[in-house]
Each structure stands twice: as structure tokens, then as C-alpha cells.
């Protein structure tokens, strides 16, 4: 039955036909589309009189469906029923007494919900011979009043610890966050996943910032005494300095370490930012696996150095050099990340075995270079420029 319309609207056959109709979502809508296609086929074979008797559909209705198919160039999604929502909807009429009572009560008792207000409102309505409303109606009225700005904001009052003054803190407006959705990285730096791991031992707590490139599995980590946004900003700068490729986008959870100063640095550098959905670590699947690996292969074995964060990071640099240059990764063909990057994303005629192991000098010299970049919580600009120039020459 469908092949008749495939031949009519598509010369390349059923495969192209189905590609144009992958936007069908609801199974109930799909049943309606199939039923209408069946009626059109029946009409073409037996005529209008038989179709009216069998399905109760008039000739004008069949012509309307065919016209929709023609305008949509054969896309059967055009047969889906349209939105029947009325253009002009009825507006809720609220008695002024009820509206005033809710506004006054919410002003005197901020945050009171519909279950609290409804019994008191019913008593007040009976005393004034006004018909009371249901609890669900009170909830709808509260929602309408909020949208019109008629209810006071639920602000928090706190004391400034430095000055001792009272501070009124307004609830921030929800920020619209970009989600990854159907984006799939294709090149190095297209998507960098970032997260923090808390390490607690012997009464000491440290925070391990981690990052990994989804395309090449190039990873980096650094430990800090706190998970503040300043440290998050510093970690982002360090990763940009260390990564052998340009970065386009990052993906993080909704933690405070990825706000304020981190966000300012991200905007200054010009990176895109995807946020995970709350309580959905699967969105950062590659990084979650790296977090487990670095926990088992490094953190657990060097937990005695947790009090000396400088020495801990020094040993961590040795581990990351091994991780990115020697450790085979099953997800990229059982080769190290930098070897995978060289083989797949650099010009083959320019490749050098000196580059993939990062042995510009010896590993010991490379470690000192990394520690120079990472030390004192800052970035050695000369070292970064030197590295970028070296990478351009290698390419």
C-alpha cells in the first residue's frame, strides 16, 4: 500500500522515503497516519461511494489529505492530525475578594501553599456570602498571580559576617542552560568533559579536577584544596595550556565550581558550554570512567601524600604522562591517546615519532616543564607560547 506512494513521490525508493519521515514520534499519531493512508488507497481503488460507506469519509476529505501530501512532497507526516487547541481561550474570572485574600495571606505568610490557604479562604468566603473555590483553583490563582508579579518574592534575609548588616538575597532567576542533546564530537577539542572528585583521608579533604577529550581520550587532572570557581578557572587555564589541540566546547555538571570565575574565563577564551541534566552522570560517561581509573590506579596508591598537595600533583603529572603516551585504550583501538591523535588528526606526511611520546626532551625534562606551568596556581605564558609554536612546526 505504501509502495504506491513511494513510486509516485520518490524515484529513489523506500530508503529515501523513510529518511524524510523519521519525525513521527507518537504511536497513536502513527496509527492515524496509517489509517488515512489506507483510506486514500481504498479510495483510489474503489471510488468515493464505497469509501464513504466503508469509512464514513467524504470525497472532499480525501482530496484535502492528498493536497497535504502533495505540498509536503510525499512526506506522510503531513497526514498527522493538527493542533485543535482553540485560538481564543476562556480567561479565568476571579472574584476580587478571593484574589485580595490570597495576595494578603501570601504577603503576611510567604511561601504558604494552596493546601494552607484553601481552608482559611473558604471560611472567609462563607462569612461574606461568596462561593468558595477548590484547592486546585487556589493553586491556579497563585500561579497566575506569580506570572503577573502580584505576589512578593520569597527573599532570604541574612547577616553579612564582615559588616554585620542585614542583607536581602533575592532568589536568582533560573538560567537557561545549553544541553548536549544530539551533538556528537568529530574532531579533537570538539567536546571536553570536566568534573570534580572529592578525596577524603586522614581528616583531610582534597578536590581532584578532571577533564577528558571525548574524541581522543586525552585526559588531565589536578588536585586543589577546595572546589571553588577560582580553582575551576585555574584548572581550565591549565588544561588549555596542556592540550595539544584547540578546544571548542566543554561539558560539566551544574556544580558551583563551574560558575562565576570559571564561567568568566570560559567566556574570555570563547568556549561553548554544555550542562548535564541533574542527577544524570551518564552524560559524562567517558569522564566517569576516567575518574574511576585515576582513583584506582593513582589516588588509592598515593593517598599518603594527600596532605602535601604539591607532591601529590607532582606524582600525578608522572601518571598523566604515562596515561596519555603509553597506556593503551580499548575505546580508540588499544593505542595511547596521543598516538591516536597523531595517526588520525595530524598530516601523515608531517608525523614524527618524537611527537607522539612528547619526548621533546626526556620525560624528566617534560615533567619539569609541566610542573613549571602548573606551579603557583598560574600559567607560564612563555611556556604556553613555546609549546604552541612547537606544535605548529610539527604539523
Protein backbone atom coordinates (compact mmCIF):
# COMPACT_ATOMS: atom_id res chain seq x y z
CA UNK A 1 0.00 0.00 0.00
CA UNK A 2 2.82 2.42 0.85
CA UNK A 3 4.85 1.42 -2.22
CA UNK A 4 2.25 3.02 -4.50
CA UNK A 5 3.01 6.43 -2.96
CA UNK A 6 6.73 5.72 -2.80
CA UNK A 7 6.85 5.33 -6.59
CA UNK A 8 4.71 8.40 -7.05
CA UNK A 9 6.65 10.83 -4.84
CA UNK A 10 10.14 9.33 -4.66
CA UNK A 11 12.13 7.95 -7.56
CA UNK A 12 14.93 6.65 -5.33
CA UNK A 13 12.70 4.23 -3.48
CA UNK A 14 11.72 3.31 0.03
CA UNK A 15 15.03 4.16 1.77
CA UNK A 16 14.90 7.85 0.92
CA UNK A 17 11.19 7.83 1.64
CA UNK A 18 11.74 6.66 5.23
CA UNK A 19 14.55 9.17 5.81
CA UNK A 20 12.13 12.01 5.17
CA UNK A 21 9.62 10.61 7.65
CA UNK A 22 11.68 9.87 10.75
CA UNK A 23 9.98 12.71 12.63
CA UNK A 24 6.97 10.59 13.56
CA UNK A 25 7.01 10.33 17.36
CA UNK A 26 3.74 9.19 18.94
CA UNK A 27 2.43 5.67 18.26
CA UNK A 28 -1.17 6.92 18.42
CA UNK A 29 -0.40 9.54 15.74
CA UNK A 30 1.28 6.83 13.67
CA UNK A 31 -1.91 4.77 13.78
CA UNK A 32 -3.89 7.74 12.49
CA UNK A 33 -1.42 8.26 9.64
CA UNK A 34 -1.59 4.57 8.67
CA UNK A 35 -5.37 4.66 8.76
CA UNK A 36 -5.51 7.70 6.47
CA UNK A 37 -3.09 6.11 4.02
CA UNK A 38 -5.28 3.04 3.97
CA UNK A 39 -8.38 5.16 3.26
CA UNK A 40 -6.61 7.00 0.40
CA UNK A 41 -5.55 3.69 -1.15
CA UNK A 42 -9.09 2.34 -0.81
CA UNK A 43 -10.47 5.50 -2.45
CA UNK A 44 -8.11 5.20 -5.42
CA UNK A 45 -9.21 1.59 -5.98
CA UNK A 46 -12.96 1.61 -5.28
CA UNK A 47 -14.09 5.25 -5.56
CA UNK A 48 -15.87 7.83 -3.40
CA UNK A 49 -19.15 6.00 -2.80
CA UNK A 50 -17.51 2.84 -1.44
CA UNK A 51 -15.13 4.90 0.70
CA UNK A 52 -17.98 6.85 2.27
CA UNK A 53 -19.86 3.64 3.02
CA UNK A 54 -16.82 1.78 4.41
CA UNK A 55 -15.06 4.55 6.36
CA UNK A 56 -17.51 7.45 6.53
CA UNK A 57 -15.07 9.84 4.80
CA UNK A 58 -16.26 12.24 2.11
CA UNK A 59 -14.59 12.97 -1.22
CA UNK A 60 -13.55 16.46 -0.09
CA UNK A 61 -11.74 15.00 2.94
CA UNK A 62 -9.76 12.59 0.74
CA UNK A 63 -8.80 15.44 -1.60
CA UNK A 64 -7.67 17.53 1.40
CA UNK A 65 -5.34 14.71 2.55
CA UNK A 66 -3.92 14.31 -0.94
CA UNK A 67 -3.31 18.04 -1.14
CA UNK A 68 -1.34 17.91 2.15
CA UNK A 69 0.77 15.05 0.79
CA UNK A 70 1.49 16.98 -2.40
CA UNK A 71 2.52 20.15 -0.55
CA UNK A 72 4.79 18.12 1.76
CA UNK A 73 6.39 16.38 -1.27
CA UNK A 74 5.17 12.97 -0.21
CA UNK A 75 6.05 13.18 3.48
CA UNK A 76 3.39 11.07 5.21
CA UNK A 77 3.98 13.06 8.40
CA UNK A 78 1.74 15.69 6.77
CA UNK A 79 -1.23 13.37 7.41
CA UNK A 80 -0.80 13.73 11.17
CA UNK A 81 -3.76 15.49 12.83
CA UNK A 82 -3.16 19.16 13.55
CA UNK A 83 -3.43 21.06 16.81
CA UNK A 84 -7.08 21.59 17.76
CA UNK A 85 -6.43 23.99 20.60
CA UNK A 86 -8.76 26.99 20.28
CA UNK A 87 -7.12 30.27 19.32
CA UNK A 88 -9.10 32.31 21.85
CA UNK A 89 -9.26 30.58 25.22
CA UNK A 90 -11.53 31.44 28.09
CA UNK A 91 -9.93 33.57 30.79
CA UNK A 92 -10.31 32.69 34.43
CA UNK A 93 -12.62 35.10 36.24
CA UNK A 94 -11.62 35.51 39.90
CA UNK A 95 -13.66 37.36 42.47
CA UNK A 96 -11.73 40.44 43.74
CA UNK A 97 -12.26 39.33 47.35
CA UNK A 98 -10.64 35.92 46.72
CA UNK A 99 -7.72 37.45 44.85
CA UNK A 100 -7.16 40.08 47.55
CA UNK A 101 -7.32 37.46 50.32
CA UNK A 102 -4.66 35.29 48.63
CA UNK A 103 -2.36 38.26 48.00
CA UNK A 104 -2.66 39.48 51.62
CA UNK A 105 -2.17 36.00 53.10
CA UNK A 106 0.89 35.27 50.95
CA UNK A 107 2.33 38.67 51.87
CA UNK A 108 1.87 38.01 55.62
CA UNK A 109 2.96 34.34 55.35
CA UNK A 110 5.45 33.97 52.49
CA UNK A 111 5.62 30.55 50.85
CA UNK A 112 2.18 29.36 52.01
CA UNK A 113 0.84 26.80 49.56
CA UNK A 114 -2.69 26.14 48.32
CA UNK A 115 -3.35 23.47 50.97
CA UNK A 116 -2.73 26.04 53.72
CA UNK A 117 -4.71 28.87 52.15
CA UNK A 118 -7.82 26.96 50.98
CA UNK A 119 -9.47 26.23 54.41
CA UNK A 120 -9.00 29.79 55.64
CA UNK A 121 -10.21 31.20 52.32
CA UNK A 122 -13.34 29.01 52.47
CA UNK A 123 -14.23 30.36 55.94
CA UNK A 124 -13.71 33.94 54.79
CA UNK A 125 -15.85 33.36 51.70
CA UNK A 126 -18.75 31.92 53.71
CA UNK A 127 -18.70 34.86 56.09
CA UNK A 128 -19.15 37.25 53.14
CA UNK A 129 -21.64 35.09 51.21
CA UNK A 130 -19.16 34.34 48.40
CA UNK A 131 -18.92 30.91 46.84
CA UNK A 132 -15.59 29.32 47.90
CA UNK A 133 -13.23 27.80 45.35
CA UNK A 134 -11.47 24.44 45.35
CA UNK A 135 -7.87 23.79 46.32
CA UNK A 136 -6.79 23.22 42.73
CA UNK A 137 -8.35 26.56 41.73
CA UNK A 138 -6.40 28.32 44.51
CA UNK A 139 -3.23 26.78 43.10
CA UNK A 140 -4.06 28.09 39.62
CA UNK A 141 -4.80 31.56 41.01
CA UNK A 142 -1.43 31.59 42.81
CA UNK A 143 0.32 30.62 39.57
CA UNK A 144 -1.47 33.42 37.66
CA UNK A 145 -0.60 35.97 40.34
CA UNK A 146 3.06 34.93 40.22
CA UNK A 147 3.19 35.31 36.44
CA UNK A 148 1.72 38.83 36.74
CA UNK A 149 4.13 39.80 39.55
CA UNK A 150 1.34 40.36 42.09
CA UNK A 151 2.90 38.21 44.82
CA UNK A 152 6.03 39.22 46.79
CA UNK A 153 9.25 37.38 46.07
CA UNK A 154 10.41 34.84 48.63
CA UNK A 155 13.67 36.59 49.53
CA UNK A 156 16.07 35.39 52.20
CA UNK A 157 17.41 37.63 54.95
CA UNK A 158 20.95 37.00 56.16
CA UNK A 159 23.66 38.83 58.09
CA UNK A 160 26.88 39.93 56.47
CA UNK A 161 29.66 38.38 58.58
CA UNK A 162 32.09 41.21 57.90
CA UNK A 163 29.87 44.28 58.36
CA UNK A 164 27.04 42.84 60.49
CA UNK A 165 24.39 44.39 58.22
CA UNK A 166 21.20 42.63 57.18
CA UNK A 167 21.26 41.55 53.52
CA UNK A 168 18.18 40.69 51.49
CA UNK A 169 19.08 37.99 48.98
CA UNK A 170 16.66 37.53 46.11
CA UNK A 171 16.22 34.14 44.55
CA UNK A 172 18.10 34.18 41.23
CA UNK A 173 16.16 33.71 38.05
CA UNK A 174 16.65 30.27 36.52
CA UNK A 175 19.37 30.34 33.89
CA UNK A 176 18.75 28.79 30.52
CA UNK A 177 21.41 26.13 30.04
CA UNK A 178 22.53 24.55 26.80
CA UNK A 179 22.33 20.77 26.67
CA UNK A 180 24.35 18.44 24.54
CA UNK A 181 21.26 16.71 23.09
CA UNK A 182 22.24 15.18 19.73
CA UNK A 183 25.70 16.72 19.37
CA UNK A 184 28.44 14.19 18.55
CA UNK A 185 32.09 15.35 18.56
CA UNK A 186 34.09 14.61 15.43
CA UNK A 187 37.48 16.26 15.99
CA UNK A 188 39.81 16.75 18.98
CA UNK A 189 38.61 19.55 21.23
CA UNK A 190 35.03 19.43 19.99
CA UNK A 191 33.84 18.29 23.44
CA UNK A 192 35.82 18.29 26.70
CA UNK A 193 34.09 16.71 29.70
CA UNK A 194 35.01 18.16 33.12
CA UNK A 195 34.16 17.11 36.67
CA UNK A 196 35.45 17.10 40.26
CA UNK A 197 36.17 14.15 42.54
CA UNK A 198 36.40 14.60 46.30
CA UNK A 199 39.20 12.71 48.06
CA UNK A 200 38.90 12.33 51.84
CA UNK A 201 41.51 10.58 54.00
CA UNK A 202 43.01 11.09 57.47
CA UNK A 203 40.69 14.02 58.17
CA UNK A 204 41.94 15.87 55.07
CA UNK A 205 39.76 16.62 52.07
CA UNK A 206 41.02 17.45 48.61
CA UNK A 207 39.24 18.00 45.30
CA UNK A 208 40.55 16.45 42.10
CA UNK A 209 39.50 18.35 38.99
CA UNK A 210 39.45 16.06 35.95
CA UNK A 211 38.95 16.56 32.21
CA UNK A 212 38.99 14.34 29.13
CA UNK A 213 38.61 14.88 25.39
CA UNK A 214 35.85 12.61 24.08
CA UNK A 215 37.39 12.19 20.60
CA UNK A 216 40.98 11.30 21.55
CA UNK A 217 40.63 10.31 25.26
CA UNK A 218 43.38 12.82 26.11
CA UNK A 219 42.97 13.34 29.88
CA UNK A 220 44.21 15.73 32.53
CA UNK A 221 43.71 16.13 36.30
CA UNK A 222 44.87 18.41 39.09
CA UNK A 223 44.22 18.49 42.84
CA UNK A 224 43.11 21.57 44.79
CA UNK A 225 42.32 22.22 48.46
CA UNK A 226 38.78 23.42 47.59
CA UNK A 227 36.28 23.18 44.74
CA UNK A 228 35.82 26.92 44.32
CA UNK A 229 35.15 28.54 40.98
CA UNK A 230 38.57 30.24 41.19
CA UNK A 231 40.21 26.83 41.23
CA UNK A 232 37.88 25.76 38.44
CA UNK A 233 39.05 28.73 36.39
CA UNK A 234 42.67 27.87 37.11
CA UNK A 235 42.11 24.26 36.05
CA UNK A 236 40.54 25.37 32.76
CA UNK A 237 43.58 27.54 32.01
CA UNK A 238 45.91 24.66 32.80
CA UNK A 239 44.04 22.28 30.51
CA UNK A 240 44.09 24.80 27.64
CA UNK A 241 47.87 25.14 28.11
CA UNK A 242 48.47 21.38 28.19
CA UNK A 243 46.09 20.19 25.43
CA UNK A 244 47.86 19.63 22.07
CA UNK A 245 44.77 20.83 20.16
CA UNK A 246 42.35 23.74 20.19
CA UNK A 247 39.27 23.46 22.42
CA UNK A 248 35.80 24.37 21.18
CA UNK A 249 33.32 23.17 23.84
CA UNK A 250 33.24 21.90 27.40
CA UNK A 251 30.63 19.87 29.25
CA UNK A 252 30.17 19.97 33.02
CA UNK A 253 27.60 19.27 35.67
CA UNK A 254 25.71 22.04 37.50
CA UNK A 255 28.23 22.42 40.35
CA UNK A 256 29.24 25.82 41.74
CA UNK A 257 32.88 25.20 40.79
CA UNK A 258 31.82 25.66 37.15
CA UNK A 259 30.20 29.06 37.73
CA UNK A 260 31.30 32.68 38.31
CA UNK A 261 35.11 32.83 37.76
CA UNK A 262 35.10 29.61 35.75
CA UNK A 263 32.32 30.98 33.56
CA UNK A 264 34.15 34.29 33.13
CA UNK A 265 37.31 32.51 31.98
CA UNK A 266 35.28 30.35 29.61
CA UNK A 267 33.67 33.40 28.05
CA UNK A 268 37.02 35.18 27.75
CA UNK A 269 38.51 32.20 25.93
CA UNK A 270 35.38 31.82 23.78
CA UNK A 271 34.36 28.22 24.54
CA UNK A 272 30.90 26.71 24.29
CA UNK A 273 29.41 25.21 27.47
CA UNK A 274 27.06 22.23 27.73
CA UNK A 275 25.44 21.32 31.05
CA UNK A 276 24.43 17.83 32.15
CA UNK A 277 20.91 17.14 33.31
CA UNK A 278 20.67 16.96 37.14
CA UNK A 279 21.38 13.52 38.62
CA UNK A 280 22.43 12.13 35.25
CA UNK A 281 26.16 11.18 35.37
CA UNK A 282 25.67 9.07 32.22
CA UNK A 283 26.01 12.30 30.24
CA UNK A 284 29.68 12.40 31.25
CA UNK A 285 30.28 8.70 30.58
CA UNK A 286 33.87 8.99 29.28
CA UNK A 287 34.92 11.16 32.21
CA UNK A 288 33.22 8.98 34.82
CA UNK A 289 35.27 6.04 33.54
CA UNK A 290 38.46 8.10 33.73
CA UNK A 291 37.57 9.15 37.30
CA UNK A 292 37.39 5.51 38.30
CA UNK A 293 40.67 4.74 36.54
CA UNK A 294 42.61 7.57 38.18
CA UNK A 295 41.06 6.68 41.54
CA UNK A 296 42.14 3.04 41.35
CA UNK A 297 45.50 3.47 39.60
CA UNK A 298 46.79 6.63 41.28
CA UNK A 299 44.77 8.17 44.13
CA UNK A 300 44.41 4.99 46.19
CA UNK A 301 48.12 4.25 45.81
CA UNK A 302 49.27 7.77 46.79
CA UNK A 303 46.71 8.58 49.45
CA UNK A 304 49.55 9.12 51.96
CA UNK A 305 50.57 12.25 50.01
CA UNK A 306 47.14 13.88 50.35
CA UNK A 307 48.38 16.32 53.00
CA UNK A 308 51.19 17.55 50.69
CA UNK A 309 49.20 18.71 47.69
CA UNK A 310 52.28 19.90 45.77
CA UNK A 311 53.96 16.50 45.98
CA UNK A 312 50.64 14.80 45.20
CA UNK A 313 50.29 16.83 41.98
CA UNK A 314 53.93 16.18 41.11
CA UNK A 315 53.35 12.43 41.19
CA UNK A 316 50.06 12.94 39.35
CA UNK A 317 51.94 14.54 36.44
CA UNK A 318 54.07 11.40 36.09
CA UNK A 319 50.93 9.30 35.97
CA UNK A 320 49.25 11.53 33.36
CA UNK A 321 52.32 11.42 31.10
CA UNK A 322 52.16 7.61 31.23
CA UNK A 323 48.36 7.64 30.77
CA UNK A 324 48.46 9.80 27.64
CA UNK A 325 51.61 8.41 25.99
CA UNK A 326 51.86 4.72 26.93
CA UNK A 327 48.59 3.32 28.30
CA UNK A 328 46.54 1.52 25.65
CA UNK A 329 42.85 2.50 25.47
CA UNK A 330 40.35 -0.02 24.21
CA UNK A 331 37.91 2.66 23.02
CA UNK A 332 40.42 4.05 20.48
CA UNK A 333 41.94 0.83 19.15
CA UNK A 334 44.23 -0.19 22.02
CA UNK A 335 46.68 2.67 21.47
CA UNK A 336 47.62 5.68 23.67
CA UNK A 337 45.61 8.92 23.24
CA UNK A 338 48.46 10.95 21.77
CA UNK A 339 49.34 8.20 19.29
CA UNK A 340 45.67 8.11 18.25
CA UNK A 341 45.68 11.89 17.86
CA UNK A 342 48.81 11.83 15.68
CA UNK A 343 47.62 8.95 13.49
CA UNK A 344 44.12 10.25 12.85
CA UNK A 345 44.14 14.05 13.06
CA UNK A 346 47.60 15.28 12.02
CA UNK A 347 49.01 15.44 8.50
CA UNK A 348 50.55 11.97 7.85
CA UNK A 349 53.49 13.45 5.95
CA UNK A 350 54.37 15.62 8.95
CA UNK A 351 54.15 12.91 11.63
CA UNK A 352 57.16 12.27 13.79
CA UNK A 353 57.78 9.56 16.36
CA UNK A 354 59.28 12.27 18.53
CA UNK A 355 55.88 13.94 18.90
CA UNK A 356 53.56 11.18 19.99
CA UNK A 357 55.52 10.37 23.14
CA UNK A 358 56.04 14.08 23.89
CA UNK A 359 59.78 13.45 24.15
CA UNK A 360 60.86 16.89 23.01
CA UNK A 361 63.41 16.35 25.70
CA UNK A 362 63.48 13.45 28.13
CA UNK A 363 60.42 12.52 30.20
CA UNK A 364 62.16 14.04 33.19
CA UNK A 365 62.57 17.36 31.37
CA UNK A 366 58.94 17.19 30.23
CA UNK A 367 57.82 16.67 33.82
CA UNK A 368 59.74 19.73 34.97
CA UNK A 369 58.17 21.72 32.14
CA UNK A 370 54.68 20.65 33.19
CA UNK A 371 55.36 21.47 36.81
CA UNK A 372 56.63 24.92 35.78
CA UNK A 373 53.35 25.56 34.01
CA UNK A 374 51.21 24.24 36.88
CA UNK A 375 53.04 25.61 39.89
CA UNK A 376 51.93 28.58 41.99
CA UNK A 377 48.35 28.36 40.70
CA UNK A 378 49.17 30.25 37.49
CA UNK A 379 50.19 29.80 33.87
CA UNK A 380 53.65 30.34 32.42
CA UNK A 381 52.74 32.31 29.28
CA UNK A 382 56.17 31.87 27.67
CA UNK A 383 55.94 28.12 28.09
CA UNK A 384 52.47 28.07 26.54
CA UNK A 385 53.58 30.11 23.52
CA UNK A 386 56.67 27.95 23.12
CA UNK A 387 54.51 24.81 23.13
CA UNK A 388 52.06 26.16 20.56
CA UNK A 389 54.88 27.22 18.22
CA UNK A 390 56.42 23.76 18.54
CA UNK A 391 53.10 22.10 17.69
CA UNK A 392 52.67 24.30 14.61
CA UNK A 393 56.15 23.32 13.40
CA UNK A 394 55.37 19.63 13.94
CA UNK A 395 52.12 19.95 11.98
